[in-house]
PDB file of all heavy atoms in Angstrom:
ATOM      1  N   GLN A   1      -0.478  17.929   3.393  1.00  0.00           N
ATOM      2  CA  GLN A   1      -1.338  17.039   2.609  1.00  0.00           C
ATOM      3  C   GLN A   1      -0.575  16.393   1.467  1.00  0.00           C
ATOM      4  O   GLN A   1      -0.826  15.238   1.118  1.00  0.00           O
ATOM      5  CB  GLN A   1      -2.543  17.815   2.074  1.00  0.00           C
ATOM      6  CG  GLN A   1      -3.535  18.257   3.147  1.00  0.00           C
ATOM      7  CD  GLN A   1      -4.054  17.109   3.997  1.00  0.00           C
ATOM      8  OE1 GLN A   1      -3.470  16.755   5.035  1.00  0.00           O
ATOM      9  NE2 GLN A   1      -5.145  16.507   3.555  1.00  0.00           N
ATOM     10  N   ASN A   2       0.359  17.116   0.888  1.00  0.00           N
ATOM     11  CA  ASN A   2       1.184  16.548  -0.180  1.00  0.00           C
ATOM     12  C   ASN A   2       2.042  15.410   0.370  1.00  0.00           C
ATOM     13  O   ASN A   2       2.126  14.334  -0.224  1.00  0.00           O
ATOM     14  CB  ASN A   2       2.063  17.636  -0.799  1.00  0.00           C
ATOM     15  CG  ASN A   2       2.750  17.202  -2.077  1.00  0.00           C
ATOM     16  OD1 ASN A   2       2.731  16.035  -2.467  1.00  0.00           O
ATOM     17  ND2 ASN A   2       3.380  18.153  -2.750  1.00  0.00           N
ATOM     18  N   ILE A   3       2.681  15.627   1.498  1.00  0.00           N
ATOM     19  CA  ILE A   3       3.527  14.587   2.097  1.00  0.00           C
ATOM     20  C   ILE A   3       2.693  13.377   2.499  1.00  0.00           C
ATOM     21  O   ILE A   3       3.053  12.226   2.207  1.00  0.00           O
ATOM     22  CB  ILE A   3       4.289  15.160   3.310  1.00  0.00           C
ATOM     23  CG1 ILE A   3       5.383  16.115   2.832  1.00  0.00           C
ATOM     24  CG2 ILE A   3       4.888  14.050   4.164  1.00  0.00           C
ATOM     25  CD1 ILE A   3       6.036  16.909   3.939  1.00  0.00           C
ATOM     26  N   ILE A   4       1.576  13.614   3.148  1.00  0.00           N
ATOM     27  CA  ILE A   4       0.720  12.496   3.560  1.00  0.00           C
ATOM     28  C   ILE A   4       0.170  11.778   2.327  1.00  0.00           C
ATOM     29  O   ILE A   4       0.092  10.541   2.295  1.00  0.00           O
ATOM     30  CB  ILE A   4      -0.420  12.996   4.468  1.00  0.00           C
ATOM     31  CG1 ILE A   4       0.153  13.487   5.809  1.00  0.00           C
ATOM     32  CG2 ILE A   4      -1.450  11.901   4.708  1.00  0.00           C
ATOM     33  CD1 ILE A   4      -0.874  14.141   6.723  1.00  0.00           C
ATOM     34  N   GLY A   5      -0.208  12.537   1.301  1.00  0.00           N
ATOM     35  CA  GLY A   5      -0.716  11.916   0.080  1.00  0.00           C
ATOM     36  C   GLY A   5       0.312  11.030  -0.588  1.00  0.00           C
ATOM     37  O   GLY A   5      -0.002   9.920  -1.051  1.00  0.00           O
ATOM     38  N   GLN A   6       1.562  11.489  -0.643  1.00  0.00           N
ATOM     39  CA  GLN A   6       2.622  10.659  -1.225  1.00  0.00           C
ATOM     40  C   GLN A   6       2.836   9.392  -0.399  1.00  0.00           C
ATOM     41  O   GLN A   6       3.004   8.297  -0.948  1.00  0.00           O
ATOM     42  CB  GLN A   6       3.919  11.455  -1.320  1.00  0.00           C
ATOM     43  CG  GLN A   6       3.912  12.550  -2.362  1.00  0.00           C
ATOM     44  CD  GLN A   6       5.225  13.299  -2.378  1.00  0.00           C
ATOM     45  OE1 GLN A   6       6.258  12.744  -2.749  1.00  0.00           O
ATOM     46  NE2 GLN A   6       5.204  14.569  -1.976  1.00  0.00           N
ATOM     47  N   ALA A   7       2.850   9.544   0.926  1.00  0.00           N
ATOM     48  CA  ALA A   7       3.060   8.376   1.789  1.00  0.00           C
ATOM     49  C   ALA A   7       1.931   7.366   1.634  1.00  0.00           C
ATOM     50  O   ALA A   7       2.164   6.146   1.602  1.00  0.00           O
ATOM     51  CB  ALA A   7       3.198   8.809   3.242  1.00  0.00           C
ATOM     52  N   ARG A   8       0.714   7.853   1.526  1.00  0.00           N
ATOM     53  CA  ARG A   8      -0.408   6.916   1.366  1.00  0.00           C
ATOM     54  C   ARG A   8      -0.406   6.280  -0.023  1.00  0.00           C
ATOM     55  O   ARG A   8      -0.787   5.121  -0.187  1.00  0.00           O
ATOM     56  CB  ARG A   8      -1.735   7.622   1.675  1.00  0.00           C
ATOM     57  CG  ARG A   8      -1.859   7.972   3.154  1.00  0.00           C
ATOM     58  CD  ARG A   8      -3.245   8.397   3.555  1.00  0.00           C
ATOM     59  NE  ARG A   8      -4.216   7.307   3.495  1.00  0.00           N
ATOM     60  CZ  ARG A   8      -5.461   7.394   3.948  1.00  0.00           C
ATOM     61  NH1 ARG A   8      -5.894   8.537   4.497  1.00  0.00           N
ATOM     62  NH2 ARG A   8      -6.285   6.376   3.847  1.00  0.00           N
ATOM     63  N   PHE A   9       0.021   7.032  -1.035  1.00  0.00           N
ATOM     64  CA  PHE A   9       0.196   6.421  -2.354  1.00  0.00           C
ATOM     65  C   PHE A   9       1.204   5.279  -2.274  1.00  0.00           C
ATOM     66  O   PHE A   9       0.951   4.182  -2.778  1.00  0.00           O
ATOM     67  CB  PHE A   9       0.675   7.476  -3.359  1.00  0.00           C
ATOM     68  CG  PHE A   9       1.039   6.911  -4.708  1.00  0.00           C
ATOM     69  CD1 PHE A   9       0.096   6.845  -5.712  1.00  0.00           C
ATOM     70  CD2 PHE A   9       2.320   6.428  -4.968  1.00  0.00           C
ATOM     71  CE1 PHE A   9       0.419   6.302  -6.959  1.00  0.00           C
ATOM     72  CE2 PHE A   9       2.659   5.897  -6.201  1.00  0.00           C
ATOM     73  CZ  PHE A   9       1.700   5.835  -7.199  1.00  0.00           C
ATOM     74  N   LEU A  10       2.346   5.542  -1.658  1.00  0.00           N
ATOM     75  CA  LEU A  10       3.377   4.505  -1.560  1.00  0.00           C
ATOM     76  C   LEU A  10       2.885   3.325  -0.744  1.00  0.00           C
ATOM     77  O   LEU A  10       3.119   2.159  -1.110  1.00  0.00           O
ATOM     78  CB  LEU A  10       4.647   5.093  -0.939  1.00  0.00           C
ATOM     79  CG  LEU A  10       5.356   6.174  -1.754  1.00  0.00           C
ATOM     80  CD1 LEU A  10       6.513   6.763  -0.957  1.00  0.00           C
ATOM     81  CD2 LEU A  10       5.848   5.624  -3.085  1.00  0.00           C
ATOM     82  N   ARG A  11       2.200   3.584   0.344  1.00  0.00           N
ATOM     83  CA  ARG A  11       1.671   2.474   1.145  1.00  0.00           C
ATOM     84  C   ARG A  11       0.652   1.676   0.339  1.00  0.00           C
ATOM     85  O   ARG A  11       0.633   0.440   0.396  1.00  0.00           O
ATOM     86  CB  ARG A  11       1.051   2.980   2.444  1.00  0.00           C
ATOM     87  CG  ARG A  11       0.632   1.844   3.382  1.00  0.00           C
ATOM     88  CD  ARG A  11       0.187   2.362   4.727  1.00  0.00           C
ATOM     89  NE  ARG A  11      -1.065   3.120   4.652  1.00  0.00           N
ATOM     90  CZ  ARG A  11      -1.643   3.696   5.699  1.00  0.00           C
ATOM     91  NH1 ARG A  11      -1.072   3.627   6.907  1.00  0.00           N
ATOM     92  NH2 ARG A  11      -2.780   4.370   5.566  1.00  0.00           N
ATOM     93  N   GLY A  12      -0.188   2.364  -0.426  1.00  0.00           N
ATOM     94  CA  GLY A  12      -1.131   1.647  -1.283  1.00  0.00           C
ATOM     95  C   GLY A  12      -0.407   0.753  -2.271  1.00  0.00           C
ATOM     96  O   GLY A  12      -0.829  -0.385  -2.518  1.00  0.00           O
ATOM     97  N   HIS A  13       0.693   1.260  -2.838  1.00  0.00           N
ATOM     98  CA  HIS A  13       1.489   0.445  -3.770  1.00  0.00           C
ATOM     99  C   HIS A  13       2.025  -0.805  -3.089  1.00  0.00           C
ATOM    100  O   HIS A  13       1.918  -1.917  -3.640  1.00  0.00           O
ATOM    101  CB  HIS A  13       2.639   1.275  -4.327  1.00  0.00           C
ATOM    102  CG  HIS A  13       3.724   0.458  -4.955  1.00  0.00           C
ATOM    103  ND1 HIS A  13       3.617  -0.105  -6.204  1.00  0.00           N
ATOM    104  CD2 HIS A  13       4.941   0.053  -4.473  1.00  0.00           C
ATOM    105  CE1 HIS A  13       4.714  -0.795  -6.491  1.00  0.00           C
ATOM    106  NE2 HIS A  13       5.534  -0.719  -5.456  1.00  0.00           N
ATOM    107  N   PHE A  14       2.620  -0.656  -1.914  1.00  0.00           N
ATOM    108  CA  PHE A  14       3.203  -1.812  -1.239  1.00  0.00           C
ATOM    109  C   PHE A  14       2.128  -2.840  -0.879  1.00  0.00           C
ATOM    110  O   PHE A  14       2.332  -4.048  -1.059  1.00  0.00           O
ATOM    111  CB  PHE A  14       3.953  -1.366   0.019  1.00  0.00           C
ATOM    112  CG  PHE A  14       5.214  -0.603  -0.260  1.00  0.00           C
ATOM    113  CD1 PHE A  14       5.400   0.670   0.271  1.00  0.00           C
ATOM    114  CD2 PHE A  14       6.212  -1.132  -1.059  1.00  0.00           C
ATOM    115  CE1 PHE A  14       6.559   1.385   0.018  1.00  0.00           C
ATOM    116  CE2 PHE A  14       7.375  -0.424  -1.329  1.00  0.00           C
ATOM    117  CZ  PHE A  14       7.549   0.838  -0.775  1.00  0.00           C
ATOM    118  N   TYR A  15       1.003  -2.376  -0.390  1.00  0.00           N
ATOM    119  CA  TYR A  15      -0.063  -3.325  -0.062  1.00  0.00           C
ATOM    120  C   TYR A  15      -0.662  -3.957  -1.318  1.00  0.00           C
ATOM    121  O   TYR A  15      -1.079  -5.127  -1.297  1.00  0.00           O
ATOM    122  CB  TYR A  15      -1.150  -2.650   0.782  1.00  0.00           C
ATOM    123  CG  TYR A  15      -0.847  -2.689   2.260  1.00  0.00           C
ATOM    124  CD1 TYR A  15      -0.715  -1.517   3.005  1.00  0.00           C
ATOM    125  CD2 TYR A  15      -0.696  -3.902   2.939  1.00  0.00           C
ATOM    126  CE1 TYR A  15      -0.435  -1.545   4.364  1.00  0.00           C
ATOM    127  CE2 TYR A  15      -0.421  -3.940   4.299  1.00  0.00           C
ATOM    128  CZ  TYR A  15      -0.281  -2.767   5.006  1.00  0.00           C
ATOM    129  OH  TYR A  15      -0.010  -2.816   6.356  1.00  0.00           O
ATOM    130  N   PHE A  16      -0.716  -3.207  -2.414  1.00  0.00           N
ATOM    131  CA  PHE A  16      -1.178  -3.794  -3.678  1.00  0.00           C
ATOM    132  C   PHE A  16      -0.264  -4.946  -4.077  1.00  0.00           C
ATOM    133  O   PHE A  16      -0.737  -6.009  -4.510  1.00  0.00           O
ATOM    134  CB  PHE A  16      -1.206  -2.726  -4.767  1.00  0.00           C
ATOM    135  CG  PHE A  16      -1.947  -3.119  -6.017  1.00  0.00           C
ATOM    136  CD1 PHE A  16      -3.215  -2.648  -6.260  1.00  0.00           C
ATOM    137  CD2 PHE A  16      -1.368  -3.970  -6.956  1.00  0.00           C
ATOM    138  CE1 PHE A  16      -3.901  -3.002  -7.417  1.00  0.00           C
ATOM    139  CE2 PHE A  16      -2.044  -4.340  -8.109  1.00  0.00           C
ATOM    140  CZ  PHE A  16      -3.317  -3.854  -8.337  1.00  0.00           C
ATOM    141  N   GLU A  17       1.055  -4.746  -3.945  1.00  0.00           N
ATOM    142  CA  GLU A  17       2.010  -5.803  -4.244  1.00  0.00           C
ATOM    143  C   GLU A  17       1.729  -7.048  -3.402  1.00  0.00           C
ATOM    144  O   GLU A  17       1.703  -8.169  -3.907  1.00  0.00           O
ATOM    145  CB  GLU A  17       3.440  -5.306  -3.980  1.00  0.00           C
ATOM    146  CG  GLU A  17       3.985  -4.370  -5.023  1.00  0.00           C
ATOM    147  CD  GLU A  17       4.372  -5.109  -6.291  1.00  0.00           C
ATOM    148  OE1 GLU A  17       5.385  -5.827  -6.291  1.00  0.00           O
ATOM    149  OE2 GLU A  17       3.638  -4.968  -7.278  1.00  0.00           O
ATOM    150  N   LEU A  18       1.545  -6.851  -2.118  1.00  0.00           N
ATOM    151  CA  LEU A  18       1.298  -7.983  -1.219  1.00  0.00           C
ATOM    152  C   LEU A  18      -0.035  -8.652  -1.531  1.00  0.00           C
ATOM    153  O   LEU A  18      -0.139  -9.885  -1.518  1.00  0.00           O
ATOM    154  CB  LEU A  18       1.311  -7.507   0.234  1.00  0.00           C
ATOM    155  CG  LEU A  18       2.681  -7.121   0.796  1.00  0.00           C
ATOM    156  CD1 LEU A  18       2.513  -6.318   2.077  1.00  0.00           C
ATOM    157  CD2 LEU A  18       3.530  -8.359   1.054  1.00  0.00           C
ATOM    158  N   LYS A  19      -1.052  -7.858  -1.804  1.00  0.00           N
ATOM    159  CA  LYS A  19      -2.385  -8.398  -2.061  1.00  0.00           C
ATOM    160  C   LYS A  19      -2.392  -9.281  -3.305  1.00  0.00           C
ATOM    161  O   LYS A  19      -2.954 -10.378  -3.296  1.00  0.00           O
ATOM    162  CB  LYS A  19      -3.386  -7.241  -2.225  1.00  0.00           C
ATOM    163  CG  LYS A  19      -4.810  -7.666  -2.542  1.00  0.00           C
ATOM    164  CD  LYS A  19      -5.458  -8.410  -1.388  1.00  0.00           C
ATOM    165  CE  LYS A  19      -6.902  -8.765  -1.713  1.00  0.00           C
ATOM    166  NZ  LYS A  19      -7.513  -9.582  -0.646  1.00  0.00           N
ATOM    167  N   LYS A  20      -1.777  -8.813  -4.389  1.00  0.00           N
ATOM    168  CA  LYS A  20      -1.832  -9.598  -5.621  1.00  0.00           C
ATOM    169  C   LYS A  20      -0.954 -10.849  -5.522  1.00  0.00           C
ATOM    170  O   LYS A  20      -1.210 -11.829  -6.222  1.00  0.00           O
ATOM    171  CB  LYS A  20      -1.442  -8.743  -6.827  1.00  0.00           C
ATOM    172  CG  LYS A  20       0.013  -8.361  -6.941  1.00  0.00           C
ATOM    173  CD  LYS A  20       0.256  -7.452  -8.140  1.00  0.00           C
ATOM    174  CE  LYS A  20       1.735  -7.126  -8.310  1.00  0.00           C
ATOM    175  NZ  LYS A  20       1.998  -6.198  -9.425  1.00  0.00           N
ATOM    176  N   MET A  21       0.048 -10.832  -4.642  1.00  0.00           N
ATOM    177  CA  MET A  21       0.899 -12.009  -4.487  1.00  0.00           C
ATOM    178  C   MET A  21       0.349 -13.013  -3.487  1.00  0.00           C
ATOM    179  O   MET A  21       0.289 -14.210  -3.753  1.00  0.00           O
ATOM    180  CB  MET A  21       2.313 -11.590  -4.051  1.00  0.00           C
ATOM    181  CG  MET A  21       3.182 -11.129  -5.203  1.00  0.00           C
ATOM    182  SD  MET A  21       4.939 -11.125  -4.820  1.00  0.00           S
ATOM    183  CE  MET A  21       5.254 -12.856  -4.503  1.00  0.00           C
ATOM    184  N   PHE A  22      -0.050 -12.518  -2.296  1.00  0.00           N
ATOM    185  CA  PHE A  22      -0.386 -13.416  -1.191  1.00  0.00           C
ATOM    186  C   PHE A  22      -1.859 -13.379  -0.792  1.00  0.00           C
ATOM    187  O   PHE A  22      -2.294 -14.210   0.009  1.00  0.00           O
ATOM    188  CB  PHE A  22       0.463 -13.056   0.035  1.00  0.00           C
ATOM    189  CG  PHE A  22       1.943 -13.143  -0.196  1.00  0.00           C
ATOM    190  CD1 PHE A  22       2.723 -11.994  -0.251  1.00  0.00           C
ATOM    191  CD2 PHE A  22       2.571 -14.367  -0.349  1.00  0.00           C
ATOM    192  CE1 PHE A  22       4.095 -12.062  -0.453  1.00  0.00           C
ATOM    193  CE2 PHE A  22       3.942 -14.449  -0.551  1.00  0.00           C
ATOM    194  CZ  PHE A  22       4.703 -13.299  -0.598  1.00  0.00           C
ATOM    195  N   ASN A  23      -2.615 -12.439  -1.305  1.00  0.00           N
ATOM    196  CA  ASN A  23      -4.030 -12.259  -1.034  1.00  0.00           C
ATOM    197  C   ASN A  23      -4.285 -11.810   0.398  1.00  0.00           C
ATOM    198  O   ASN A  23      -4.421 -10.629   0.655  1.00  0.00           O
ATOM    199  CB  ASN A  23      -4.836 -13.525  -1.372  1.00  0.00           C
ATOM    200  CG  ASN A  23      -6.337 -13.280  -1.316  1.00  0.00           C
ATOM    201  OD1 ASN A  23      -6.791 -12.148  -1.469  1.00  0.00           O
ATOM    202  ND2 ASN A  23      -7.121 -14.321  -1.100  1.00  0.00           N
ATOM    203  N   MET A  24      -4.339 -12.722   1.356  1.00  0.00           N
ATOM    204  CA  MET A  24      -4.679 -12.380   2.733  1.00  0.00           C
ATOM    205  C   MET A  24      -3.408 -12.032   3.508  1.00  0.00           C
ATOM    206  O   MET A  24      -2.611 -12.910   3.846  1.00  0.00           O
ATOM    207  CB  MET A  24      -5.427 -13.520   3.398  1.00  0.00           C
ATOM    208  CG  MET A  24      -6.720 -13.898   2.698  1.00  0.00           C
ATOM    209  SD  MET A  24      -7.908 -12.520   2.574  1.00  0.00           S
ATOM    210  CE  MET A  24      -8.427 -12.371   4.288  1.00  0.00           C
ATOM    211  N   VAL A  25      -3.235 -10.742   3.750  1.00  0.00           N
ATOM    212  CA  VAL A  25      -2.050 -10.271   4.464  1.00  0.00           C
ATOM    213  C   VAL A  25      -2.499  -9.340   5.588  1.00  0.00           C
ATOM    214  O   VAL A  25      -3.570  -8.726   5.519  1.00  0.00           O
ATOM    215  CB  VAL A  25      -1.078  -9.536   3.518  1.00  0.00           C
ATOM    216  CG1 VAL A  25      -0.592 -10.465   2.417  1.00  0.00           C
ATOM    217  CG2 VAL A  25      -1.716  -8.282   2.922  1.00  0.00           C
ATOM    218  N   PRO A  26      -1.705  -9.210   6.644  1.00  0.00           N
ATOM    219  CA  PRO A  26      -2.103  -8.334   7.754  1.00  0.00           C
ATOM    220  C   PRO A  26      -1.996  -6.866   7.384  1.00  0.00           C
ATOM    221  O   PRO A  26      -1.037  -6.453   6.727  1.00  0.00           O
ATOM    222  CB  PRO A  26      -1.117  -8.704   8.868  1.00  0.00           C
ATOM    223  CG  PRO A  26       0.065  -9.279   8.173  1.00  0.00           C
ATOM    224  CD  PRO A  26      -0.456  -9.950   6.937  1.00  0.00           C
ATOM    225  N   TRP A  27      -2.984  -6.092   7.823  1.00  0.00           N
ATOM    226  CA  TRP A  27      -2.956  -4.648   7.610  1.00  0.00           C
ATOM    227  C   TRP A  27      -2.327  -3.984   8.828  1.00  0.00           C
ATOM    228  O   TRP A  27      -2.797  -4.140   9.952  1.00  0.00           O
ATOM    229  CB  TRP A  27      -4.363  -4.103   7.393  1.00  0.00           C
ATOM    230  CG  TRP A  27      -4.381  -2.616   7.229  1.00  0.00           C
ATOM    231  CD1 TRP A  27      -4.604  -1.677   8.187  1.00  0.00           C
ATOM    232  CD2 TRP A  27      -4.154  -1.890   6.014  1.00  0.00           C
ATOM    233  NE1 TRP A  27      -4.532  -0.415   7.658  1.00  0.00           N
ATOM    234  CE2 TRP A  27      -4.260  -0.514   6.322  1.00  0.00           C
ATOM    235  CE3 TRP A  27      -3.876  -2.271   4.708  1.00  0.00           C
ATOM    236  CZ2 TRP A  27      -4.087   0.488   5.360  1.00  0.00           C
ATOM    237  CZ3 TRP A  27      -3.707  -1.277   3.743  1.00  0.00           C
ATOM    238  CH2 TRP A  27      -3.825   0.074   4.064  1.00  0.00           C
TER     239      TRP A  27
END
């Protein structure tokens, strides 16, 4: 759960970056 939680945190960060820059991006 710790490993998966870290990976999902990082993925959330990367998608946050894309969302605030480009808005509509593929998931």
